[in-house]
PDB file of N, CA and C in Angstrom:
ATOM      1  N   MET A   1    -132.813 -71.576  32.071  1.00  0.00           N
ATOM      2  CA  MET A   1    -133.749 -70.467  32.018  1.00  0.00           C
ATOM      3  C   MET A   1    -134.742 -70.767  30.839  1.00  0.00           C
ATOM      4  N   PRO A   2    -136.138 -70.771  31.147  1.00  0.00           N
ATOM      5  CA  PRO A   2    -137.098 -71.043  30.122  1.00  0.00           C
ATOM      6  C   PRO A   2    -137.124 -70.011  28.974  1.00  0.00           C
ATOM      7  N   SER A   3    -137.405 -70.449  27.770  1.00  0.00           N
ATOM      8  CA  SER A   3    -137.516 -69.574  26.693  1.00  0.00           C
ATOM      9  C   SER A   3    -138.733 -68.832  26.622  1.00  0.00           C
ATOM     10  N   THR A   4    -138.698 -67.614  26.194  1.00  0.00           N
ATOM     11  CA  THR A   4    -140.011 -66.799  26.167  1.00  0.00           C
ATOM     12  C   THR A   4    -140.755 -66.949  24.907  1.00  0.00           C
ATOM     13  N   GLY A   5    -140.103 -67.655  24.014  1.00  0.00           N
ATOM     14  CA  GLY A   5    -140.781 -67.976  22.805  1.00  0.00           C
ATOM     15  C   GLY A   5    -140.566 -66.891  21.748  1.00  0.00           C
ATOM     16  N   ARG A   6    -139.888 -65.706  22.071  1.00  0.00           N
ATOM     17  CA  ARG A   6    -139.604 -64.792  21.218  1.00  0.00           C
ATOM     18  C   ARG A   6    -138.256 -64.766  20.636  1.00  0.00           C
ATOM     19  N   LEU A   7    -138.114 -64.461  19.418  1.00  0.00           N
ATOM     20  CA  LEU A   7    -136.793 -64.653  18.738  1.00  0.00           C
ATOM     21  C   LEU A   7    -136.162 -63.230  18.917  1.00  0.00           C
ATOM     22  N   LYS A   8    -134.918 -63.271  19.448  1.00  0.00           N
ATOM     23  CA  LYS A   8    -134.131 -62.092  19.462  1.00  0.00           C
ATOM     24  C   LYS A   8    -133.130 -62.036  18.410  1.00  0.00           C
ATOM     25  N   ASN A   9    -133.085 -60.845  17.718  1.00  0.00           N
ATOM     26  CA  ASN A   9    -132.205 -60.664  16.576  1.00  0.00           C
ATOM     27  C   ASN A   9    -130.882 -60.338  17.128  1.00  0.00           C
ATOM     28  N   LYS A  10    -130.027 -61.157  17.335  1.00  0.00           N
ATOM     29  CA  LYS A  10    -128.592 -60.923  17.872  1.00  0.00           C
ATOM     30  C   LYS A  10    -127.626 -61.046  16.741  1.00  0.00           C
ATOM     31  N   GLY A  11    -127.637 -60.133  15.802  1.00  0.00           N
ATOM     32  CA  GLY A  11    -126.678 -60.053  14.715  1.00  0.00           C
ATOM     33  C   GLY A  11    -126.770 -61.213  13.816  1.00  0.00           C
ATOM     34  N   ARG A  12    -127.820 -61.792  13.623  1.00  0.00           N
ATOM     35  CA  ARG A  12    -128.008 -62.838  12.666  1.00  0.00           C
ATOM     36  C   ARG A  12    -127.663 -62.535  11.294  1.00  0.00           C
ATOM     37  N   ASP A  13    -126.821 -63.355  10.705  1.00  0.00           N
ATOM     38  CA  ASP A  13    -126.400 -63.039   9.350  1.00  0.00           C
ATOM     39  C   ASP A  13    -127.512 -63.430   8.429  1.00  0.00           C
ATOM     40  N   GLY A  14    -127.557 -63.194   7.195  1.00  0.00           N
ATOM     41  CA  GLY A  14    -128.524 -63.550   6.202  1.00  0.00           C
ATOM     42  C   GLY A  14    -128.705 -64.905   5.869  1.00  0.00           C
ATOM     43  N   SER A  15    -127.561 -65.655   6.234  1.00  0.00           N
ATOM     44  CA  SER A  15    -127.494 -67.122   5.787  1.00  0.00           C
ATOM     45  C   SER A  15    -128.681 -67.944   6.518  1.00  0.00           C
ATOM     46  N   HIS A  16    -128.939 -67.603   7.778  1.00  0.00           N
ATOM     47  CA  HIS A  16    -129.936 -68.273   8.508  1.00  0.00           C
ATOM     48  C   HIS A  16    -131.170 -68.027   7.885  1.00  0.00           C
ATOM     49  N   HIS A  17    -131.451 -66.774   7.530  1.00  0.00           N
ATOM     50  CA  HIS A  17    -132.722 -66.494   6.893  1.00  0.00           C
ATOM     51  C   HIS A  17    -132.887 -67.100   5.483  1.00  0.00           C
ATOM     52  N   GLU A  18    -131.814 -67.184   4.794  1.00  0.00           N
ATOM     53  CA  GLU A  18    -131.841 -67.795   3.499  1.00  0.00           C
ATOM     54  C   GLU A  18    -132.061 -69.264   3.513  1.00  0.00           C
ATOM     55  N   ARG A  19    -131.494 -70.022   4.654  1.00  0.00           N
ATOM     56  CA  ARG A  19    -131.870 -71.361   4.808  1.00  0.00           C
ATOM     57  C   ARG A  19    -133.387 -71.583   5.162  1.00  0.00           C
ATOM     58  N   MET A  20    -133.785 -70.741   5.998  1.00  0.00           N
ATOM     59  CA  MET A  20    -135.332 -70.824   6.358  1.00  0.00           C
ATOM     60  C   MET A  20    -136.141 -70.568   5.193  1.00  0.00           C
ATOM     61  N   ALA A  21    -135.798 -69.574   4.316  1.00  0.00           N
ATOM     62  CA  ALA A  21    -136.496 -69.257   3.086  1.00  0.00           C
ATOM     63  C   ALA A  21    -136.541 -70.371   2.067  1.00  0.00           C
ATOM     64  N   LYS A  22    -135.388 -71.133   1.979  1.00  0.00           N
ATOM     65  CA  LYS A  22    -135.285 -72.256   1.129  1.00  0.00           C
ATOM     66  C   LYS A  22    -136.057 -73.441   1.681  1.00  0.00           C
ATOM     67  N   LYS A  23    -136.176 -73.626   2.925  1.00  0.00           N
ATOM     68  CA  LYS A  23    -137.022 -74.660   3.538  1.00  0.00           C
ATOM     69  C   LYS A  23    -138.434 -74.278   3.229  1.00  0.00           C
ATOM     70  N   LEU A  24    -138.915 -73.052   3.387  1.00  0.00           N
ATOM     71  CA  LEU A  24    -140.271 -72.722   3.097  1.00  0.00           C
ATOM     72  C   LEU A  24    -140.621 -72.888   1.658  1.00  0.00           C
ATOM     73  N   GLN A  25    -139.691 -72.902   0.850  1.00  0.00           N
ATOM     74  CA  GLN A  25    -139.949 -73.207  -0.654  1.00  0.00           C
ATOM     75  C   GLN A  25    -140.116 -74.738  -0.898  1.00  0.00           C
ATOM     76  N   THR A  26    -139.363 -75.604  -0.167  1.00  0.00           N
ATOM     77  CA  THR A  26    -139.393 -77.094  -0.479  1.00  0.00           C
ATOM     78  C   THR A  26    -140.323 -77.758   0.348  1.00  0.00           C
ATOM     79  N   LEU A  27    -140.537 -77.390   1.723  1.00  0.00           N
ATOM     80  CA  LEU A  27    -141.326 -78.241   2.584  1.00  0.00           C
ATOM     81  C   LEU A  27    -142.870 -78.241   2.146  1.00  0.00           C
ATOM     82  N   PRO A  28    -143.477 -77.285   1.746  1.00  0.00           N
ATOM     83  CA  PRO A  28    -144.856 -77.413   1.397  1.00  0.00           C
ATOM     84  C   PRO A  28    -145.082 -78.353   0.177  1.00  0.00           C
ATOM     85  N   GLY A  29    -144.192 -78.454  -0.850  1.00  0.00           N
ATOM     86  CA  GLY A  29    -144.249 -79.432  -1.896  1.00  0.00           C
ATOM     87  C   GLY A  29    -144.158 -80.847  -1.391  1.00  0.00           C
ATOM     88  N   GLN A  30    -143.191 -81.012  -0.374  1.00  0.00           N
ATOM     89  CA  GLN A  30    -142.977 -82.404   0.232  1.00  0.00           C
ATOM     90  C   GLN A  30    -144.358 -82.812   1.049  1.00  0.00           C
ATOM     91  N   PHE A  31    -145.054 -81.802   1.663  1.00  0.00           N
ATOM     92  CA  PHE A  31    -146.150 -82.067   2.371  1.00  0.00           C
ATOM     93  C   PHE A  31    -147.226 -82.454   1.384  1.00  0.00           C
ATOM     94  N   GLY A  32    -147.318 -81.820   0.334  1.00  0.00           N
ATOM     95  CA  GLY A  32    -148.351 -82.112  -0.625  1.00  0.00           C
ATOM     96  C   GLY A  32    -148.112 -83.576  -1.215  1.00  0.00           C
ATOM     97  N   GLN A  33    -146.972 -83.993  -1.511  1.00  0.00           N
ATOM     98  CA  GLN A  33    -146.646 -85.339  -2.095  1.00  0.00           C
ATOM     99  C   GLN A  33    -146.909 -86.228  -1.028  1.00  0.00           C
ATOM    100  N   ILE A  34    -146.582 -86.073   0.234  1.00  0.00           N
ATOM    101  CA  ILE A  34    -146.804 -87.021   1.331  1.00  0.00           C
ATOM    102  C   ILE A  34    -148.431 -87.188   1.581  1.00  0.00           C
ATOM    103  N   THR A  35    -149.074 -86.196   1.559  1.00  0.00           N
ATOM    104  CA  THR A  35    -150.586 -86.235   1.836  1.00  0.00           C
ATOM    105  C   THR A  35    -151.156 -86.912   0.659  1.00  0.00           C
ATOM    106  N   ALA A  36    -150.747 -86.789  -0.650  1.00  0.00           N
ATOM    107  CA  ALA A  36    -151.262 -87.418  -1.833  1.00  0.00           C
ATOM    108  C   ALA A  36    -151.052 -88.829  -1.623  1.00  0.00           C
ATOM    109  N   GLN A  37    -149.832 -89.179  -1.211  1.00  0.00           N
ATOM    110  CA  GLN A  37    -149.542 -90.669  -1.058  1.00  0.00           C
ATOM    111  C   GLN A  37    -150.419 -91.266   0.086  1.00  0.00           C
ATOM    112  N   LEU A  38    -150.657 -90.433   1.210  1.00  0.00           N
ATOM    113  CA  LEU A  38    -151.369 -90.889   2.322  1.00  0.00           C
ATOM    114  C   LEU A  38    -152.954 -91.127   1.844  1.00  0.00           C
ATOM    115  N   ARG A  39    -153.448 -90.348   0.936  1.00  0.00           N
ATOM    116  CA  ARG A  39    -154.859 -90.398   0.473  1.00  0.00           C
ATOM    117  C   ARG A  39    -154.922 -91.700  -0.435  1.00  0.00           C
ATOM    118  N   GLU A  40    -153.927 -91.939  -1.252  1.00  0.00           N
ATOM    119  CA  GLU A  40    -153.801 -93.097  -2.078  1.00  0.00           C
ATOM    120  C   GLU A  40    -153.813 -94.390  -1.235  1.00  0.00           C
ATOM    121  N   VAL A  41    -153.057 -94.439  -0.198  1.00  0.00           N
ATOM    122  CA  VAL A  41    -152.968 -95.621   0.697  1.00  0.00           C
ATOM    123  C   VAL A  41    -154.300 -95.825   1.464  1.00  0.00           C
ATOM    124  N   LEU A  42    -154.930 -94.686   1.835  1.00  0.00           N
ATOM    125  CA  LEU A  42    -156.105 -94.800   2.650  1.00  0.00           C
ATOM    126  C   LEU A  42    -157.273 -95.405   1.682  1.00  0.00           C
ATOM    127  N   SER A  43    -157.138 -95.293   0.351  1.00  0.00           N
ATOM    128  CA  SER A  43    -158.076 -95.777  -0.463  1.00  0.00           C
ATOM    129  C   SER A  43    -157.925 -97.321  -0.725  1.00  0.00           C
ATOM    130  N   MET A  44    -156.938 -97.910  -0.429  1.00  0.00           N
ATOM    131  CA  MET A  44    -156.529 -99.340  -0.584  1.00  0.00           C
ATOM    132  C   MET A  44    -157.295-100.216   0.449  1.00  0.00           C
ATOM    133  N   GLU A  45    -157.489-101.384   0.067  1.00  0.00           N
ATOM    134  CA  GLU A  45    -157.991-102.450   1.013  1.00  0.00           C
ATOM    135  C   GLU A  45    -157.104-102.640   2.081  1.00  0.00           C
ATOM    136  N   PRO A  46    -157.810-102.614   3.350  1.00  0.00           N
ATOM    137  CA  PRO A  46    -156.965-102.653   4.536  1.00  0.00           C
ATOM    138  C   PRO A  46    -156.174-103.984   4.634  1.00  0.00           C
ATOM    139  N   SER A  47    -154.992-103.954   5.063  1.00  0.00           N
ATOM    140  CA  SER A  47    -154.124-104.966   5.395  1.00  0.00           C
ATOM    141  C   SER A  47    -153.094-104.586   6.251  1.00  0.00           C
ATOM    142  N   GLN A  48    -152.279-105.373   6.888  1.00  0.00           N
ATOM    143  CA  GLN A  48    -151.293-104.988   7.894  1.00  0.00           C
ATOM    144  C   GLN A  48    -150.283-103.980   7.135  1.00  0.00           C
ATOM    145  N   VAL A  49    -149.852-104.399   5.862  1.00  0.00           N
ATOM    146  CA  VAL A  49    -148.943-103.550   5.159  1.00  0.00           C
ATOM    147  C   VAL A  49    -149.550-102.271   4.920  1.00  0.00           C
ATOM    148  N   VAL A  50    -150.817-102.086   4.438  1.00  0.00           N
ATOM    149  CA  VAL A  50    -151.414-100.898   4.184  1.00  0.00           C
ATOM    150  C   VAL A  50    -151.471-100.018   5.523  1.00  0.00           C
ATOM    151  N   MET A  51    -151.876-100.699   6.592  1.00  0.00           N
ATOM    152  CA  MET A  51    -152.001 -99.859   7.861  1.00  0.00           C
ATOM    153  C   MET A  51    -150.626 -99.344   8.271  1.00  0.00           C
ATOM    154  N   ASP A  52    -149.547-100.141   8.128  1.00  0.00           N
ATOM    155  CA  ASP A  52    -148.212 -99.622   8.381  1.00  0.00           C
ATOM    156  C   ASP A  52    -147.856 -98.551   7.531  1.00  0.00           C
ATOM    157  N   SER A  53    -148.229 -98.564   6.268  1.00  0.00           N
ATOM    158  CA  SER A  53    -147.917 -97.508   5.326  1.00  0.00           C
ATOM    159  C   SER A  53    -148.696 -96.267   5.793  1.00  0.00           C
ATOM    160  N   VAL A  54    -149.958 -96.418   6.175  1.00  0.00           N
ATOM    161  CA  VAL A  54    -150.812 -95.255   6.595  1.00  0.00           C
ATOM    162  C   VAL A  54    -150.089 -94.498   7.750  1.00  0.00           C
ATOM    163  N   VAL A  55    -149.625 -95.312   8.762  1.00  0.00           N
ATOM    164  CA  VAL A  55    -149.013 -94.778   9.916  1.00  0.00           C
ATOM    165  C   VAL A  55    -147.719 -94.024   9.584  1.00  0.00           C
ATOM    166  N   LEU A  56    -146.893 -94.695   8.771  1.00  0.00           N
ATOM    167  CA  LEU A  56    -145.698 -94.013   8.297  1.00  0.00           C
ATOM    168  C   LEU A  56    -145.907 -92.703   7.484  1.00  0.00           C
ATOM    169  N   ARG A  57    -146.901 -92.752   6.641  1.00  0.00           N
ATOM    170  CA  ARG A  57    -147.173 -91.468   5.867  1.00  0.00           C
ATOM    171  C   ARG A  57    -147.724 -90.393   6.761  1.00  0.00           C
ATOM    172  N   PHE A  58    -148.553 -90.811   7.766  1.00  0.00           N
ATOM    173  CA  PHE A  58    -149.046 -89.763   8.691  1.00  0.00           C
ATOM    174  C   PHE A  58    -148.000 -89.166   9.494  1.00  0.00           C
ATOM    175  N   GLU A  59    -147.098 -89.949   9.888  1.00  0.00           N
ATOM    176  CA  GLU A  59    -145.861 -89.545  10.671  1.00  0.00           C
ATOM    177  C   GLU A  59    -145.048 -88.620   9.859  1.00  0.00           C
ATOM    178  N   LEU A  60    -144.895 -88.996   8.631  1.00  0.00           N
ATOM    179  CA  LEU A  60    -143.972 -88.123   7.721  1.00  0.00           C
ATOM    180  C   LEU A  60    -144.791 -86.748   7.497  1.00  0.00           C
ATOM    181  N   ALA A  61    -146.062 -86.750   7.221  1.00  0.00           N
ATOM    182  CA  ALA A  61    -146.839 -85.554   7.081  1.00  0.00           C
ATOM    183  C   ALA A  61    -146.766 -84.614   8.305  1.00  0.00           C
ATOM    184  N   TYR A  62    -146.826 -85.231   9.553  1.00  0.00           N
ATOM    185  CA  TYR A  62    -146.799 -84.489  10.729  1.00  0.00           C
ATOM    186  C   TYR A  62    -145.469 -83.838  10.804  1.00  0.00           C
ATOM    187  N   ASP A  63    -144.357 -84.566  10.612  1.00  0.00           N
ATOM    188  CA  ASP A  63    -142.964 -84.103  10.744  1.00  0.00           C
ATOM    189  C   ASP A  63    -142.737 -82.941   9.640  1.00  0.00           C
ATOM    190  N   VAL A  64    -143.274 -83.090   8.504  1.00  0.00           N
ATOM    191  CA  VAL A  64    -142.982 -81.952   7.498  1.00  0.00           C
ATOM    192  C   VAL A  64    -143.759 -80.656   7.855  1.00  0.00           C
ATOM    193  N   LEU A  65    -145.022 -81.040   8.265  1.00  0.00           N
ATOM    194  CA  LEU A  65    -146.017 -79.771   8.709  1.00  0.00           C
ATOM    195  C   LEU A  65    -145.307 -79.028   9.856  1.00  0.00           C
ATOM    196  N   TRP A  66    -144.813 -79.693  10.865  1.00  0.00           N
ATOM    197  CA  TRP A  66    -144.305 -78.855  12.003  1.00  0.00           C
ATOM    198  C   TRP A  66    -143.002 -78.249  11.669  1.00  0.00           C
ATOM    199  N   LYS A  67    -142.169 -78.930  10.696  1.00  0.00           N
ATOM    200  CA  LYS A  67    -140.945 -78.209  10.261  1.00  0.00           C
ATOM    201  C   LYS A  67    -141.257 -77.017   9.398  1.00  0.00           C
ATOM    202  N   THR A  68    -142.338 -77.118   8.632  1.00  0.00           N
ATOM    203  CA  THR A  68    -142.895 -75.991   7.937  1.00  0.00           C
ATOM    204  C   THR A  68    -143.114 -74.809   8.794  1.00  0.00           C
ATOM    205  N   LEU A  69    -143.978 -75.082   9.834  1.00  0.00           N
ATOM    206  CA  LEU A  69    -144.226 -74.021  10.783  1.00  0.00           C
ATOM    207  C   LEU A  69    -143.046 -73.512  11.575  1.00  0.00           C
ATOM    208  N   GLN A  70    -142.225 -74.410  11.918  1.00  0.00           N
ATOM    209  CA  GLN A  70    -140.917 -73.928  12.595  1.00  0.00           C
ATOM    210  C   GLN A  70    -140.157 -72.940  11.722  1.00  0.00           C
ATOM    211  N   ALA A  71    -140.069 -73.271  10.341  1.00  0.00           N
ATOM    212  CA  ALA A  71    -139.234 -72.488   9.404  1.00  0.00           C
ATOM    213  C   ALA A  71    -139.908 -71.046   9.243  1.00  0.00           C
ATOM    214  N   GLN A  72    -141.280 -71.135   9.402  1.00  0.00           N
ATOM    215  CA  GLN A  72    -142.008 -69.789   9.229  1.00  0.00           C
ATOM    216  C   GLN A  72    -142.006 -68.833  10.413  1.00  0.00           C
ATOM    217  N   ALA A  73    -141.776 -69.565  11.557  1.00  0.00           N
ATOM    218  CA  ALA A  73    -141.949 -68.838  12.914  1.00  0.00           C
ATOM    219  C   ALA A  73    -141.056 -67.512  13.023  1.00  0.00           C
ATOM    220  N   PRO A  74    -139.789 -67.667  12.607  1.00  0.00           N
ATOM    221  CA  PRO A  74    -138.883 -66.512  12.686  1.00  0.00           C
ATOM    222  C   PRO A  74    -139.493 -65.183  12.066  1.00  0.00           C
ATOM    223  N   TRP A  75    -140.119 -65.420  10.955  1.00  0.00           N
ATOM    224  CA  TRP A  75    -140.705 -64.249  10.340  1.00  0.00           C
ATOM    225  C   TRP A  75    -141.962 -63.590  10.999  1.00  0.00           C
ATOM    226  N   GLN A  76    -142.412 -64.437  12.052  1.00  0.00           N
ATOM    227  CA  GLN A  76    -143.482 -63.966  12.902  1.00  0.00           C
ATOM    228  C   GLN A  76    -142.856 -63.561  14.250  1.00  0.00           C
ATOM    229  N   GLY A  77    -141.669 -63.567  14.375  1.00  0.00           N
ATOM    230  CA  GLY A  77    -140.915 -63.012  15.571  1.00  0.00           C
ATOM    231  C   GLY A  77    -141.006 -64.108  16.693  1.00  0.00           C
ATOM    232  N   THR A  78    -141.184 -65.408  16.473  1.00  0.00           N
ATOM    233  CA  THR A  78    -141.173 -66.389  17.516  1.00  0.00           C
ATOM    234  C   THR A  78    -140.108 -67.436  17.224  1.00  0.00           C
ATOM    235  N   LEU A  79    -139.838 -68.187  18.263  1.00  0.00           N
ATOM    236  CA  LEU A  79    -138.850 -69.312  18.147  1.00  0.00           C
ATOM    237  C   LEU A  79    -139.586 -70.569  18.533  1.00  0.00           C
ATOM    238  N   VAL A  80    -139.597 -71.497  17.645  1.00  0.00           N
ATOM    239  CA  VAL A  80    -140.257 -72.728  17.764  1.00  0.00           C
ATOM    240  C   VAL A  80    -139.273 -73.920  17.778  1.00  0.00           C
ATOM    241  N   GLN A  81    -139.138 -74.629  18.803  1.00  0.00           N
ATOM    242  CA  GLN A  81    -138.175 -75.727  18.981  1.00  0.00           C
ATOM    243  C   GLN A  81    -138.774 -77.121  18.921  1.00  0.00           C
ATOM    244  N   PHE A  82    -140.084 -77.137  19.271  1.00  0.00           N
ATOM    245  CA  PHE A  82    -140.727 -78.467  19.368  1.00  0.00           C
ATOM    246  C   PHE A  82    -142.085 -78.484  18.772  1.00  0.00           C
ATOM    247  N   PRO A  83    -142.488 -79.652  18.208  1.00  0.00           N
ATOM    248  CA  PRO A  83    -143.794 -79.748  17.555  1.00  0.00           C
ATOM    249  C   PRO A  83    -144.999 -79.202  18.248  1.00  0.00           C
ATOM    250  N   ARG A  84    -145.159 -79.336  19.559  1.00  0.00           N
ATOM    251  CA  ARG A  84    -146.182 -78.817  20.356  1.00  0.00           C
ATOM    252  C   ARG A  84    -146.262 -77.350  20.253  1.00  0.00           C
ATOM    253  N   GLU A  85    -145.139 -76.585  20.302  1.00  0.00           N
ATOM    254  CA  GLU A  85    -145.058 -75.213  20.200  1.00  0.00           C
ATOM    255  C   GLU A  85    -145.568 -74.746  18.756  1.00  0.00           C
ATOM    256  N   ALA A  86    -145.237 -75.443  17.802  1.00  0.00           N
ATOM    257  CA  ALA A  86    -145.537 -75.094  16.371  1.00  0.00           C
ATOM    258  C   ALA A  86    -147.092 -75.180  16.186  1.00  0.00           C
ATOM    259  N   LEU A  87    -147.676 -76.105  16.832  1.00  0.00           N
ATOM    260  CA  LEU A  87    -149.063 -76.408  16.625  1.00  0.00           C
ATOM    261  C   LEU A  87    -149.994 -75.707  17.487  1.00  0.00           C
ATOM    262  N   LYS A  88    -149.491 -74.939  18.361  1.00  0.00           N
ATOM    263  CA  LYS A  88    -150.353 -74.212  19.348  1.00  0.00           C
ATOM    264  C   LYS A  88    -151.067 -73.072  18.516  1.00  0.00           C
TER     265      LYS A  88
END
């Protein structure tokens, strides 16, 4: 059965919300660090190693961004399981 995208509160204990709140405290800082490193690498002279680093840092930034949106979604009453859903 397809998900409606709405989060149902079925007796969730506080620990789930505490984990999500903790993620919301740490993920933005990680995103800031990764994007700073990405900007630094983008300013370097192009080479294969630099380009590989750019791709890696972009992938890390994308991953942290969508996980941040995923952690924030329950407070908006939605359930996000995949990156595409988070970025809509």
